[in-house]
Amino acid sequence: MSYIETVTSNLKAEMARGSISQAEMAKVLGITPVSMGARMRMKPELRISELEKAADYLGLDVLVLFQKQEVKKK
């Protein structure tokens, strides 16, 4: 998994944990909901400034979004 896939996946997971919609996060980032949807599909990739805003809104250190998550085996 590439770093941008990791970051996007982590952001999606954190948004889900916080019950934050893409539309809400788009407002936080100062972009349109359509642009937010595109960023969630990695077209284009999220900007560092956007990741910082998102992490701040979620109450996280931005580095958390860059950490690869362990896959738990059954």
Protein backbone atom coordinates (compact mmCIF):
# COMPACT_ATOMS: atom_id res chain seq x y z
CA MET A 1 0.00 0.00 0.00
CA SER A 2 1.39 3.43 -0.94
CA TYR A 3 1.67 6.20 1.62
CA ILE A 4 -1.24 8.11 0.04
CA GLU A 5 -3.43 5.01 0.20
CA THR A 6 -2.47 4.63 3.88
CA VAL A 7 -3.21 8.30 4.63
CA THR A 8 -6.54 8.24 2.79
CA SER A 9 -7.58 4.98 4.43
CA ASN A 10 -6.66 6.30 7.88
CA LEU A 11 -8.53 9.54 7.30
CA LYS A 12 -11.64 7.65 6.19
CA ALA A 13 -11.42 5.45 9.30
CA GLU A 14 -11.01 8.41 11.64
CA MET A 15 -13.90 10.23 10.00
CA ALA A 16 -16.07 7.13 10.43
CA ARG A 17 -15.06 6.82 14.10
CA GLY A 18 -16.06 10.43 14.64
CA SER A 19 -19.24 10.15 12.54
CA ILE A 20 -17.96 12.95 10.31
CA SER A 21 -19.32 13.07 6.77
CA GLN A 22 -17.33 13.99 3.69
CA ALA A 23 -19.47 17.13 3.38
CA GLU A 24 -18.58 18.19 6.93
CA MET A 25 -14.87 17.53 6.36
CA ALA A 26 -15.04 19.43 3.06
CA LYS A 27 -16.23 22.51 5.00
CA VAL A 28 -13.37 22.09 7.46
CA LEU A 29 -10.86 21.91 4.61
CA GLY A 30 -12.44 24.77 2.68
CA ILE A 31 -13.20 22.68 -0.39
CA THR A 32 -16.38 21.54 -2.08
CA PRO A 33 -17.99 18.19 -1.26
CA VAL A 34 -17.23 17.10 -4.85
CA SER A 35 -13.55 17.92 -4.32
CA MET A 36 -13.58 16.01 -1.03
CA GLY A 37 -15.03 12.96 -2.76
CA ALA A 38 -12.29 13.17 -5.37
CA ARG A 39 -9.62 13.35 -2.67
CA MET A 40 -11.09 10.27 -1.00
CA ARG A 41 -10.56 8.52 -4.34
CA MET A 42 -7.01 9.94 -4.44
CA LYS A 43 -7.70 12.01 -7.57
CA PRO A 44 -6.05 14.38 -6.64
CA GLU A 45 -4.19 13.42 -3.49
CA LEU A 46 -4.86 15.23 -0.25
CA ARG A 47 -2.52 18.16 0.37
CA ILE A 48 -0.40 18.33 3.51
CA SER A 49 -2.21 21.52 4.55
CA GLU A 50 -5.53 19.67 4.23
CA LEU A 51 -4.24 16.75 6.28
CA GLU A 52 -3.13 19.15 9.01
CA LYS A 53 -6.57 20.78 9.12
CA ALA A 54 -8.32 17.40 9.13
CA ALA A 55 -6.11 16.03 11.91
CA ASP A 56 -6.64 19.17 13.99
CA TYR A 57 -10.42 18.91 13.55
CA LEU A 58 -10.30 15.23 14.52
CA GLY A 59 -8.11 16.00 17.56
CA LEU A 60 -5.22 13.94 16.22
CA ASP A 61 -1.54 14.45 15.56
CA VAL A 62 -1.19 14.53 11.77
CA LEU A 63 1.42 11.76 12.00
CA VAL A 64 -1.33 9.34 13.04
CA LEU A 65 -2.70 9.56 9.51
CA PHE A 66 0.62 8.37 8.08
CA GLN A 67 0.95 5.28 10.28
CA LYS A 68 0.36 1.92 8.69
CA GLN A 69 -2.27 -0.02 10.57
CA GLU A 70 -1.69 -3.60 11.59
CA VAL A 71 -3.97 -6.12 9.93
CA LYS A 72 -5.32 -8.49 12.54
CA LYS A 73 -5.37 -12.11 11.45
CA LYS A 74 -8.15 -14.40 12.61
